[in-house]
PDB file of N, CA and C in Angstrom:
ATOM      1  N   UNK A   1     -19.727   1.565   3.586  1.00  0.00           N
ATOM      2  CA  UNK A   1     -18.358   1.607   4.048  1.00  0.00           C
ATOM      3  C   UNK A   1     -17.756   2.954   3.668  1.00  0.00           C
ATOM      4  N   UNK A   2     -17.283   3.678   4.652  1.00  0.00           N
ATOM      5  CA  UNK A   2     -16.681   4.977   4.427  1.00  0.00           C
ATOM      6  C   UNK A   2     -15.167   4.834   4.353  1.00  0.00           C
ATOM      7  N   UNK A   3     -14.589   5.407   3.309  1.00  0.00           N
ATOM      8  CA  UNK A   3     -13.148   5.341   3.117  1.00  0.00           C
ATOM      9  C   UNK A   3     -12.479   6.503   3.835  1.00  0.00           C
ATOM     10  N   UNK A   4     -11.417   6.219   4.550  1.00  0.00           N
ATOM     11  CA  UNK A   4     -10.602   7.241   5.193  1.00  0.00           C
ATOM     12  C   UNK A   4      -9.212   7.191   4.568  1.00  0.00           C
ATOM     13  N   UNK A   5      -8.768   8.323   4.080  1.00  0.00           N
ATOM     14  CA  UNK A   5      -7.449   8.392   3.433  1.00  0.00           C
ATOM     15  C   UNK A   5      -6.351   8.073   4.444  1.00  0.00           C
ATOM     16  N   UNK A   6      -5.256   7.450   3.989  1.00  0.00           N
ATOM     17  CA  UNK A   6      -4.182   7.055   4.902  1.00  0.00           C
ATOM     18  C   UNK A   6      -3.647   8.203   5.756  1.00  0.00           C
ATOM     19  N   UNK A   7      -3.509   9.395   5.185  1.00  0.00           N
ATOM     20  CA  UNK A   7      -2.958  10.533   5.920  1.00  0.00           C
ATOM     21  C   UNK A   7      -3.949  11.084   6.942  1.00  0.00           C
ATOM     22  N   UNK A   8      -5.168  10.534   6.987  1.00  0.00           N
ATOM     23  CA  UNK A   8      -6.144  10.912   8.007  1.00  0.00           C
ATOM     24  C   UNK A   8      -6.286   9.838   9.085  1.00  0.00           C
ATOM     25  N   UNK A   9      -5.599   8.717   8.896  1.00  0.00           N
ATOM     26  CA  UNK A   9      -5.671   7.610   9.853  1.00  0.00           C
ATOM     27  C   UNK A   9      -4.595   7.758  10.922  1.00  0.00           C
ATOM     28  N   UNK A  10      -4.800   7.022  12.015  1.00  0.00           N
ATOM     29  CA  UNK A  10      -3.822   7.014  13.094  1.00  0.00           C
ATOM     30  C   UNK A  10      -2.875   5.832  12.928  1.00  0.00           C
ATOM     31  N   UNK A  11      -1.617   6.067  13.229  1.00  0.00           N
ATOM     32  CA  UNK A  11      -0.594   5.028  13.158  1.00  0.00           C
ATOM     33  C   UNK A  11      -0.980   3.879  14.093  1.00  0.00           C
ATOM     34  N   UNK A  12      -0.891   2.660  13.579  1.00  0.00           N
ATOM     35  CA  UNK A  12      -1.252   1.480  14.365  1.00  0.00           C
ATOM     36  C   UNK A  12      -0.115   0.463  14.447  1.00  0.00           C
ATOM     37  N   UNK A  13       1.113   0.878  14.100  1.00  0.00           N
ATOM     38  CA  UNK A  13       2.219  -0.084  14.039  1.00  0.00           C
ATOM     39  C   UNK A  13       3.233   0.097  15.160  1.00  0.00           C
ATOM     40  N   UNK A  14       2.895   0.887  16.132  1.00  0.00           N
ATOM     41  CA  UNK A  14       3.756   1.113  17.306  1.00  0.00           C
ATOM     42  C   UNK A  14       5.064   1.835  16.983  1.00  0.00           C
ATOM     43  N   UNK A  15       5.075   2.610  15.931  1.00  0.00           N
ATOM     44  CA  UNK A  15       6.226   3.466  15.619  1.00  0.00           C
ATOM     45  C   UNK A  15       6.418   4.429  16.792  1.00  0.00           C
ATOM     46  N   UNK A  16       7.634   4.572  17.321  1.00  0.00           N
ATOM     47  CA  UNK A  16       7.834   5.459  18.470  1.00  0.00           C
ATOM     48  C   UNK A  16       7.535   6.930  18.167  1.00  0.00           C
ATOM     49  N   UNK A  17       7.591   7.312  16.914  1.00  0.00           N
ATOM     50  CA  UNK A  17       7.337   8.705  16.539  1.00  0.00           C
ATOM     51  C   UNK A  17       5.866   8.979  16.242  1.00  0.00           C
ATOM     52  N   UNK A  18       5.168   8.034  15.636  1.00  0.00           N
ATOM     53  CA  UNK A  18       3.815   8.286  15.137  1.00  0.00           C
ATOM     54  C   UNK A  18       2.696   7.520  15.822  1.00  0.00           C
ATOM     55  N   UNK A  19       2.984   6.577  16.683  1.00  0.00           N
ATOM     56  CA  UNK A  19       1.943   5.708  17.223  1.00  0.00           C
ATOM     57  C   UNK A  19       0.757   6.526  17.736  1.00  0.00           C
ATOM     58  N   UNK A  20      -0.423   6.181  17.214  1.00  0.00           N
ATOM     59  CA  UNK A  20      -1.707   6.823  17.532  1.00  0.00           C
ATOM     60  C   UNK A  20      -1.774   8.279  17.070  1.00  0.00           C
ATOM     61  N   UNK A  21      -0.960   8.612  16.076  1.00  0.00           N
ATOM     62  CA  UNK A  21      -0.986   9.944  15.475  1.00  0.00           C
ATOM     63  C   UNK A  21      -1.062   9.789  13.961  1.00  0.00           C
ATOM     64  N   UNK A  22      -1.376  10.869  13.286  1.00  0.00           N
ATOM     65  CA  UNK A  22      -1.356  10.844  11.824  1.00  0.00           C
ATOM     66  C   UNK A  22       0.082  10.984  11.346  1.00  0.00           C
ATOM     67  N   UNK A  23       0.305  10.616  10.089  1.00  0.00           N
ATOM     68  CA  UNK A  23       1.640  10.738   9.481  1.00  0.00           C
ATOM     69  C   UNK A  23       1.451  11.265   8.072  1.00  0.00           C
ATOM     70  N   UNK A  24       1.964  12.459   7.825  1.00  0.00           N
ATOM     71  CA  UNK A  24       1.863  13.044   6.483  1.00  0.00           C
ATOM     72  C   UNK A  24       3.237  13.335   5.900  1.00  0.00           C
ATOM     73  N   UNK A  25       4.289  13.118   6.672  1.00  0.00           N
ATOM     74  CA  UNK A  25       5.653  13.294   6.202  1.00  0.00           C
ATOM     75  C   UNK A  25       6.308  11.928   6.186  1.00  0.00           C
ATOM     76  N   UNK A  26       6.949  11.593   5.089  1.00  0.00           N
ATOM     77  CA  UNK A  26       7.470  10.241   4.911  1.00  0.00           C
ATOM     78  C   UNK A  26       8.989  10.135   5.025  1.00  0.00           C
ATOM     79  N   UNK A  27       9.663  11.177   5.476  1.00  0.00           N
ATOM     80  CA  UNK A  27      11.120  11.099   5.558  1.00  0.00           C
ATOM     81  C   UNK A  27      11.654  11.628   6.894  1.00  0.00           C
ATOM     82  N   UNK A  28      10.937  11.355   7.966  1.00  0.00           N
ATOM     83  CA  UNK A  28      11.386  11.783   9.283  1.00  0.00           C
ATOM     84  C   UNK A  28      12.419  10.794   9.837  1.00  0.00           C
ATOM     85  N   UNK A  29      13.436  11.330  10.495  1.00  0.00           N
ATOM     86  CA  UNK A  29      14.560  10.498  10.924  1.00  0.00           C
ATOM     87  C   UNK A  29      14.201   9.468  11.986  1.00  0.00           C
ATOM     88  N   UNK A  30      13.230   9.723  12.836  1.00  0.00           N
ATOM     89  CA  UNK A  30      12.888   8.771  13.896  1.00  0.00           C
ATOM     90  C   UNK A  30      11.724   7.863  13.537  1.00  0.00           C
ATOM     91  N   UNK A  31      11.241   7.949  12.317  1.00  0.00           N
ATOM     92  CA  UNK A  31      10.111   7.125  11.903  1.00  0.00           C
ATOM     93  C   UNK A  31      10.541   5.662  11.774  1.00  0.00           C
ATOM     94  N   UNK A  32       9.701   4.787  12.320  1.00  0.00           N
ATOM     95  CA  UNK A  32       9.932   3.344  12.206  1.00  0.00           C
ATOM     96  C   UNK A  32       8.643   2.659  11.773  1.00  0.00           C
ATOM     97  N   UNK A  33       7.816   3.370  11.035  1.00  0.00           N
ATOM     98  CA  UNK A  33       6.538   2.813  10.600  1.00  0.00           C
ATOM     99  C   UNK A  33       6.755   1.584   9.723  1.00  0.00           C
ATOM    100  N   UNK A  34       5.865   0.635   9.914  1.00  0.00           N
ATOM    101  CA  UNK A  34       5.859  -0.549   9.054  1.00  0.00           C
ATOM    102  C   UNK A  34       5.231  -0.171   7.718  1.00  0.00           C
ATOM    103  N   UNK A  35       5.555  -0.902   6.695  1.00  0.00           N
ATOM    104  CA  UNK A  35       4.989  -0.630   5.373  1.00  0.00           C
ATOM    105  C   UNK A  35       3.490  -0.954   5.373  1.00  0.00           C
ATOM    106  N   UNK A  36       3.027  -1.685   6.387  1.00  0.00           N
ATOM    107  CA  UNK A  36       1.610  -2.030   6.521  1.00  0.00           C
ATOM    108  C   UNK A  36       0.885  -1.135   7.516  1.00  0.00           C
ATOM    109  N   UNK A  37       1.524  -0.074   7.982  1.00  0.00           N
ATOM    110  CA  UNK A  37       0.904   0.861   8.922  1.00  0.00           C
ATOM    111  C   UNK A  37      -0.359   1.452   8.286  1.00  0.00           C
ATOM    112  N   UNK A  38      -1.351   1.730   9.092  1.00  0.00           N
ATOM    113  CA  UNK A  38      -2.601   2.318   8.591  1.00  0.00           C
ATOM    114  C   UNK A  38      -2.366   3.665   7.920  1.00  0.00           C
ATOM    115  N   UNK A  39      -1.276   4.349   8.269  1.00  0.00           N
ATOM    116  CA  UNK A  39      -0.981   5.658   7.688  1.00  0.00           C
ATOM    117  C   UNK A  39      -0.281   5.566   6.334  1.00  0.00           C
ATOM    118  N   UNK A  40       0.126   4.359   5.954  1.00  0.00           N
ATOM    119  CA  UNK A  40       0.868   4.174   4.701  1.00  0.00           C
ATOM    120  C   UNK A  40      -0.100   4.105   3.517  1.00  0.00           C
ATOM    121  N   UNK A  41       0.101   4.970   2.512  1.00  0.00           N
ATOM    122  CA  UNK A  41      -0.744   4.900   1.320  1.00  0.00           C
ATOM    123  C   UNK A  41      -0.564   3.569   0.582  1.00  0.00           C
ATOM    124  N   UNK A  42      -1.445   3.316  -0.376  1.00  0.00           N
ATOM    125  CA  UNK A  42      -1.324   2.116  -1.197  1.00  0.00           C
ATOM    126  C   UNK A  42       0.108   2.029  -1.713  1.00  0.00           C
ATOM    127  N   UNK A  43       0.721   0.866  -1.529  1.00  0.00           N
ATOM    128  CA  UNK A  43       2.150   0.725  -1.760  1.00  0.00           C
ATOM    129  C   UNK A  43       2.454  -0.464  -2.659  1.00  0.00           C
ATOM    130  N   UNK A  44       3.387  -0.247  -3.562  1.00  0.00           N
ATOM    131  CA  UNK A  44       3.882  -1.311  -4.424  1.00  0.00           C
ATOM    132  C   UNK A  44       5.251  -1.724  -3.908  1.00  0.00           C
ATOM    133  N   UNK A  45       5.378  -2.977  -3.488  1.00  0.00           N
ATOM    134  CA  UNK A  45       6.679  -3.487  -3.058  1.00  0.00           C
ATOM    135  C   UNK A  45       7.458  -3.886  -4.304  1.00  0.00           C
ATOM    136  N   UNK A  46       8.564  -3.216  -4.529  1.00  0.00           N
ATOM    137  CA  UNK A  46       9.366  -3.434  -5.736  1.00  0.00           C
ATOM    138  C   UNK A  46      10.646  -4.172  -5.359  1.00  0.00           C
ATOM    139  N   UNK A  47      10.545  -5.476  -5.271  1.00  0.00           N
ATOM    140  CA  UNK A  47      11.676  -6.317  -4.867  1.00  0.00           C
ATOM    141  C   UNK A  47      12.886  -6.088  -5.772  1.00  0.00           C
ATOM    142  N   UNK A  48      12.658  -5.921  -7.060  1.00  0.00           N
ATOM    143  CA  UNK A  48      13.748  -5.752  -8.024  1.00  0.00           C
ATOM    144  C   UNK A  48      14.571  -4.491  -7.736  1.00  0.00           C
ATOM    145  N   UNK A  49      13.930  -3.479  -7.195  1.00  0.00           N
ATOM    146  CA  UNK A  49      14.616  -2.222  -6.888  1.00  0.00           C
ATOM    147  C   UNK A  49      14.940  -2.114  -5.403  1.00  0.00           C
ATOM    148  N   UNK A  50      14.575  -3.135  -4.603  1.00  0.00           N
ATOM    149  CA  UNK A  50      14.775  -3.155  -3.151  1.00  0.00           C
ATOM    150  C   UNK A  50      14.169  -1.917  -2.496  1.00  0.00           C
ATOM    151  N   UNK A  51      12.918  -1.638  -2.875  1.00  0.00           N
ATOM    152  CA  UNK A  51      12.244  -0.478  -2.305  1.00  0.00           C
ATOM    153  C   UNK A  51      10.737  -0.670  -2.366  1.00  0.00           C
ATOM    154  N   UNK A  52      10.039   0.294  -1.828  1.00  0.00           N
ATOM    155  CA  UNK A  52       8.587   0.359  -1.950  1.00  0.00           C
ATOM    156  C   UNK A  52       8.255   1.688  -2.618  1.00  0.00           C
ATOM    157  N   UNK A  53       7.256   1.676  -3.473  1.00  0.00           N
ATOM    158  CA  UNK A  53       6.808   2.873  -4.186  1.00  0.00           C
ATOM    159  C   UNK A  53       5.373   3.171  -3.768  1.00  0.00           C
ATOM    160  N   UNK A  54       5.064   4.440  -3.550  1.00  0.00           N
ATOM    161  CA  UNK A  54       3.715   4.815  -3.135  1.00  0.00           C
ATOM    162  C   UNK A  54       3.421   6.249  -3.536  1.00  0.00           C
ATOM    163  N   UNK A  55       2.135   6.582  -3.543  1.00  0.00           N
ATOM    164  CA  UNK A  55       1.701   7.941  -3.845  1.00  0.00           C
ATOM    165  C   UNK A  55       1.408   8.664  -2.534  1.00  0.00           C
ATOM    166  N   UNK A  56       1.916   9.879  -2.377  1.00  0.00           N
ATOM    167  CA  UNK A  56       1.625  10.648  -1.172  1.00  0.00           C
ATOM    168  C   UNK A  56       0.259  11.321  -1.291  1.00  0.00           C
ATOM    169  N   UNK A  57      -0.086  12.150  -0.314  1.00  0.00           N
ATOM    170  CA  UNK A  57      -1.421  12.771  -0.308  1.00  0.00           C
ATOM    171  C   UNK A  57      -1.657  13.706  -1.484  1.00  0.00           C
ATOM    172  N   UNK A  58      -0.590  14.146  -2.144  1.00  0.00           N
ATOM    173  CA  UNK A  58      -0.732  14.991  -3.327  1.00  0.00           C
ATOM    174  C   UNK A  58      -0.706  14.186  -4.622  1.00  0.00           C
ATOM    175  N   UNK A  59      -0.562  12.863  -4.504  1.00  0.00           N
ATOM    176  CA  UNK A  59      -0.525  12.006  -5.683  1.00  0.00           C
ATOM    177  C   UNK A  59       0.838  11.909  -6.329  1.00  0.00           C
ATOM    178  N   UNK A  60       1.888  12.341  -5.614  1.00  0.00           N
ATOM    179  CA  UNK A  60       3.241  12.267  -6.145  1.00  0.00           C
ATOM    180  C   UNK A  60       3.864  10.921  -5.785  1.00  0.00           C
ATOM    181  N   UNK A  61       4.696  10.402  -6.663  1.00  0.00           N
ATOM    182  CA  UNK A  61       5.330   9.104  -6.467  1.00  0.00           C
ATOM    183  C   UNK A  61       6.540   9.225  -5.547  1.00  0.00           C
ATOM    184  N   UNK A  62       6.565   8.397  -4.492  1.00  0.00           N
ATOM    185  CA  UNK A  62       7.656   8.347  -3.523  1.00  0.00           C
ATOM    186  C   UNK A  62       8.257   6.960  -3.514  1.00  0.00           C
ATOM    187  N   UNK A  63       9.486   6.870  -3.017  1.00  0.00           N
ATOM    188  CA  UNK A  63      10.122   5.570  -2.797  1.00  0.00           C
ATOM    189  C   UNK A  63      10.769   5.563  -1.418  1.00  0.00           C
ATOM    190  N   UNK A  64      10.859   4.377  -0.853  1.00  0.00           N
ATOM    191  CA  UNK A  64      11.600   4.166   0.393  1.00  0.00           C
ATOM    192  C   UNK A  64      12.366   2.859   0.222  1.00  0.00           C
ATOM    193  N   UNK A  65      13.639   2.880   0.568  1.00  0.00           N
ATOM    194  CA  UNK A  65      14.501   1.716   0.398  1.00  0.00           C
ATOM    195  C   UNK A  65      14.246   0.685   1.495  1.00  0.00           C
ATOM    196  N   UNK A  66      14.217  -0.592   1.095  1.00  0.00           N
ATOM    197  CA  UNK A  66      14.078  -1.687   2.049  1.00  0.00           C
ATOM    198  C   UNK A  66      15.425  -1.914   2.729  1.00  0.00           C
ATOM    199  N   UNK A  67      15.354  -2.209   4.017  1.00  0.00           N
ATOM    200  CA  UNK A  67      16.551  -2.507   4.792  1.00  0.00           C
ATOM    201  C   UNK A  67      16.412  -3.913   5.368  1.00  0.00           C
ATOM    202  N   UNK A  68      17.489  -4.488   5.845  1.00  0.00           N
ATOM    203  CA  UNK A  68      17.406  -5.829   6.434  1.00  0.00           C
ATOM    204  C   UNK A  68      16.418  -5.885   7.603  1.00  0.00           C
ATOM    205  N   UNK A  69      15.841  -7.044   7.800  1.00  0.00           N
ATOM    206  CA  UNK A  69      14.951  -7.257   8.934  1.00  0.00           C
ATOM    207  C   UNK A  69      13.557  -6.681   8.755  1.00  0.00           C
ATOM    208  N   UNK A  70      13.188  -6.357   7.523  1.00  0.00           N
ATOM    209  CA  UNK A  70      11.857  -5.816   7.281  1.00  0.00           C
ATOM    210  C   UNK A  70      11.693  -4.354   7.658  1.00  0.00           C
ATOM    211  N   UNK A  71      12.801  -3.648   7.832  1.00  0.00           N
ATOM    212  CA  UNK A  71      12.756  -2.227   8.170  1.00  0.00           C
ATOM    213  C   UNK A  71      12.837  -1.392   6.894  1.00  0.00           C
ATOM    214  N   UNK A  72      12.518  -0.114   7.038  1.00  0.00           N
ATOM    215  CA  UNK A  72      12.498   0.794   5.893  1.00  0.00           C
ATOM    216  C   UNK A  72      13.315   2.027   6.211  1.00  0.00           C
ATOM    217  N   UNK A  73      14.004   2.548   5.222  1.00  0.00           N
ATOM    218  CA  UNK A  73      14.895   3.699   5.388  1.00  0.00           C
ATOM    219  C   UNK A  73      14.112   5.003   5.236  1.00  0.00           C
ATOM    220  N   UNK A  74      13.205   5.258   6.183  1.00  0.00           N
ATOM    221  CA  UNK A  74      12.345   6.441   6.097  1.00  0.00           C
ATOM    222  C   UNK A  74      13.113   7.762   6.067  1.00  0.00           C
ATOM    223  N   UNK A  75      14.216   7.925   6.801  1.00  0.00           N
ATOM    224  CA  UNK A  75      14.915   9.210   6.733  1.00  0.00           C
ATOM    225  C   UNK A  75      15.373   9.581   5.322  1.00  0.00           C
ATOM    226  N   UNK A  76      15.587   8.579   4.485  1.00  0.00           N
ATOM    227  CA  UNK A  76      16.045   8.832   3.120  1.00  0.00           C
ATOM    228  C   UNK A  76      14.971   8.607   2.061  1.00  0.00           C
ATOM    229  N   UNK A  77      13.728   8.431   2.494  1.00  0.00           N
ATOM    230  CA  UNK A  77      12.625   8.327   1.532  1.00  0.00           C
ATOM    231  C   UNK A  77      12.532   9.645   0.771  1.00  0.00           C
ATOM    232  N   UNK A  78      12.111   9.562  -0.477  1.00  0.00           N
ATOM    233  CA  UNK A  78      12.056  10.783  -1.273  1.00  0.00           C
ATOM    234  C   UNK A  78      11.054  10.649  -2.409  1.00  0.00           C
ATOM    235  N   UNK A  79      10.628  11.793  -2.872  1.00  0.00           N
ATOM    236  CA  UNK A  79       9.749  11.838  -4.037  1.00  0.00           C
ATOM    237  C   UNK A  79      10.579  11.561  -5.288  1.00  0.00           C
ATOM    238  N   UNK A  80      10.023  10.752  -6.184  1.00  0.00           N
ATOM    239  CA  UNK A  80      10.639  10.552  -7.496  1.00  0.00           C
ATOM    240  C   UNK A  80      10.079  11.618  -8.417  1.00  0.00           C
ATOM    241  N   UNK A  81      10.925  12.458  -8.928  1.00  0.00           N
ATOM    242  CA  UNK A  81      10.463  13.520  -9.804  1.00  0.00           C
ATOM    243  C   UNK A  81      10.258  12.943 -11.196  1.00  0.00           C
ATOM    244  N   UNK A  82       9.061  12.479 -11.455  1.00  0.00           N
ATOM    245  CA  UNK A  82       8.787  11.807 -12.727  1.00  0.00           C
ATOM    246  C   UNK A  82       8.755  12.782 -13.904  1.00  0.00           C
ATOM    247  N   UNK A  83       8.652  14.064 -13.636  1.00  0.00           N
ATOM    248  CA  UNK A  83       8.653  15.036 -14.728  1.00  0.00           C
ATOM    249  C   UNK A  83      10.030  15.153 -15.379  1.00  0.00           C
ATOM    250  N   UNK A  84      11.087  14.888 -14.596  1.00  0.00           N
ATOM    251  CA  UNK A  84      12.438  15.023 -15.118  1.00  0.00           C
ATOM    252  C   UNK A  84      13.186  13.699 -15.125  1.00  0.00           C
ATOM    253  N   UNK A  85      12.476  12.624 -14.877  1.00  0.00           N
ATOM    254  CA  UNK A  85      13.110  11.317 -14.810  1.00  0.00           C
ATOM    255  C   UNK A  85      13.375  10.800 -16.230  1.00  0.00           C
ATOM    256  N   UNK A  86      14.587  10.379 -16.462  1.00  0.00           N
ATOM    257  CA  UNK A  86      14.935   9.867 -17.784  1.00  0.00           C
ATOM    258  C   UNK A  86      14.435   8.449 -17.990  1.00  0.00           C
ATOM    259  N   UNK A  87      14.067   7.770 -16.912  1.00  0.00           N
ATOM    260  CA  UNK A  87      13.597   6.392 -16.976  1.00  0.00           C
ATOM    261  C   UNK A  87      12.068   6.392 -17.032  1.00  0.00           C
ATOM    262  N   UNK A  88      11.505   5.932 -18.132  1.00  0.00           N
ATOM    263  CA  UNK A  88      10.057   5.923 -18.298  1.00  0.00           C
ATOM    264  C   UNK A  88       9.343   4.997 -17.320  1.00  0.00           C
ATOM    265  N   UNK A  89      10.068   4.051 -16.722  1.00  0.00           N
ATOM    266  CA  UNK A  89       9.405   3.084 -15.842  1.00  0.00           C
ATOM    267  C   UNK A  89       8.754   3.766 -14.647  1.00  0.00           C
ATOM    268  N   UNK A  90       9.389   4.765 -14.052  1.00  0.00           N
ATOM    269  CA  UNK A  90       8.779   5.435 -12.902  1.00  0.00           C
ATOM    270  C   UNK A  90       7.531   6.212 -13.312  1.00  0.00           C
ATOM    271  N   UNK A  91       7.535   6.768 -14.511  1.00  0.00           N
ATOM    272  CA  UNK A  91       6.350   7.476 -15.014  1.00  0.00           C
ATOM    273  C   UNK A  91       5.193   6.489 -15.199  1.00  0.00           C
ATOM    274  N   UNK A  92       5.492   5.335 -15.777  1.00  0.00           N
ATOM    275  CA  UNK A  92       4.449   4.320 -15.973  1.00  0.00           C
ATOM    276  C   UNK A  92       3.939   3.787 -14.639  1.00  0.00           C
ATOM    277  N   UNK A  93       4.846   3.557 -13.689  1.00  0.00           N
ATOM    278  CA  UNK A  93       4.439   3.063 -12.373  1.00  0.00           C
ATOM    279  C   UNK A  93       3.547   4.085 -11.675  1.00  0.00           C
ATOM    280  N   UNK A  94       3.928   5.349 -11.729  1.00  0.00           N
ATOM    281  CA  UNK A  94       3.104   6.395 -11.118  1.00  0.00           C
ATOM    282  C   UNK A  94       1.709   6.400 -11.737  1.00  0.00           C
ATOM    283  N   UNK A  95       1.638   6.315 -13.048  1.00  0.00           N
ATOM    284  CA  UNK A  95       0.353   6.309 -13.748  1.00  0.00           C
ATOM    285  C   UNK A  95      -0.481   5.098 -13.337  1.00  0.00           C
ATOM    286  N   UNK A  96       0.150   3.926 -13.243  1.00  0.00           N
ATOM    287  CA  UNK A  96      -0.569   2.708 -12.848  1.00  0.00           C
ATOM    288  C   UNK A  96      -1.060   2.782 -11.400  1.00  0.00           C
ATOM    289  N   UNK A  97      -0.242   3.321 -10.500  1.00  0.00           N
ATOM    290  CA  UNK A  97      -0.682   3.468  -9.113  1.00  0.00           C
ATOM    291  C   UNK A  97      -1.854   4.439  -9.012  1.00  0.00           C
ATOM    292  N   UNK A  98      -1.786   5.542  -9.757  1.00  0.00           N
ATOM    293  CA  UNK A  98      -2.914   6.487  -9.767  1.00  0.00           C
ATOM    294  C   UNK A  98      -4.184   5.816 -10.292  1.00  0.00           C
ATOM    295  N   UNK A  99      -4.044   5.048 -11.361  1.00  0.00           N
ATOM    296  CA  UNK A  99      -5.191   4.354 -11.946  1.00  0.00           C
ATOM    297  C   UNK A  99      -5.758   3.330 -10.961  1.00  0.00           C
ATOM    298  N   UNK A 100      -4.882   2.567 -10.303  1.00  0.00           N
ATOM    299  CA  UNK A 100      -5.338   1.574  -9.321  1.00  0.00           C
ATOM    300  C   UNK A 100      -6.052   2.257  -8.159  1.00  0.00           C
ATOM    301  N   UNK A 101      -5.494   3.356  -7.657  1.00  0.00           N
ATOM    302  CA  UNK A 101      -6.126   4.090  -6.561  1.00  0.00           C
ATOM    303  C   UNK A 101      -7.497   4.610  -6.977  1.00  0.00           C
ATOM    304  N   UNK A 102      -7.589   5.102  -8.205  1.00  0.00           N
ATOM    305  CA  UNK A 102      -8.863   5.604  -8.721  1.00  0.00           C
ATOM    306  C   UNK A 102      -9.894   4.475  -8.816  1.00  0.00           C
ATOM    307  N   UNK A 103      -9.493   3.351  -9.379  1.00  0.00           N
ATOM    308  CA  UNK A 103     -10.408   2.211  -9.530  1.00  0.00           C
ATOM    309  C   UNK A 103     -10.873   1.684  -8.172  1.00  0.00           C
ATOM    310  N   UNK A 104      -9.945   1.575  -7.230  1.00  0.00           N
ATOM    311  CA  UNK A 104     -10.315   1.101  -5.902  1.00  0.00           C
ATOM    312  C   UNK A 104     -11.240   2.092  -5.211  1.00  0.00           C
ATOM    313  N   UNK A 105     -10.971   3.382  -5.400  1.00  0.00           N
ATOM    314  CA  UNK A 105     -11.841   4.402  -4.824  1.00  0.00           C
ATOM    315  C   UNK A 105     -13.243   4.337  -5.386  1.00  0.00           C
ATOM    316  N   UNK A 106     -13.354   4.088  -6.690  1.00  0.00           N
ATOM    317  CA  UNK A 106     -14.676   3.971  -7.311  1.00  0.00           C
ATOM    318  C   UNK A 106     -15.430   2.746  -6.817  1.00  0.00           C
ATOM    319  N   UNK A 107     -14.705   1.688  -6.491  1.00  0.00           N
ATOM    320  CA  UNK A 107     -15.346   0.464  -6.024  1.00  0.00           C
ATOM    321  C   UNK A 107     -16.009   0.639  -4.665  1.00  0.00           C
ATOM    322  N   UNK A 108     -15.522   1.598  -3.881  1.00  0.00           N
ATOM    323  CA  UNK A 108     -16.081   1.839  -2.544  1.00  0.00           C
ATOM    324  C   UNK A 108     -17.396   2.599  -2.635  1.00  0.00           C
ATOM    325  N   UNK A 109     -17.525   3.467  -3.602  1.00  0.00           N
ATOM    326  CA  UNK A 109     -18.714   4.337  -3.681  1.00  0.00           C
ATOM    327  C   UNK A 109     -19.873   3.589  -4.215  1.00  0.00           C
TER     328      UNK A 109
END
C-alpha cells in the first residue's frame, strides 16, 4: 500500500473551488471543502473549542472554526503559532498530532 500525502491528493468532496484539484492552501475564501475531503490532513475535531486542528504540509498546527450545518470557516483558518502561544495545550496537541502522524506513517511501511 502506497501512501499519498493529503496535499498530493485530488479533492473529492465537490468543493466548487477545489473539486478534482489539489489543495495546499487552507484559508481561501471560496473553499467549501469538507473536513473529510481527501485533501484534508489528519484532523482532530475539537468539539470543546468548536474547531478542527490539523498539521499542514510543513507540519505546522492549523485550526478552522466549525460553523452550523457541518460547514467550516476556511477563509478564517489560520496557523496556531505554538512558538509564541501562552497556552501549553496547543503545543501539546501539535506534538501529539506529529507523533500520531509519525506512528501511522511507520505502520504503512
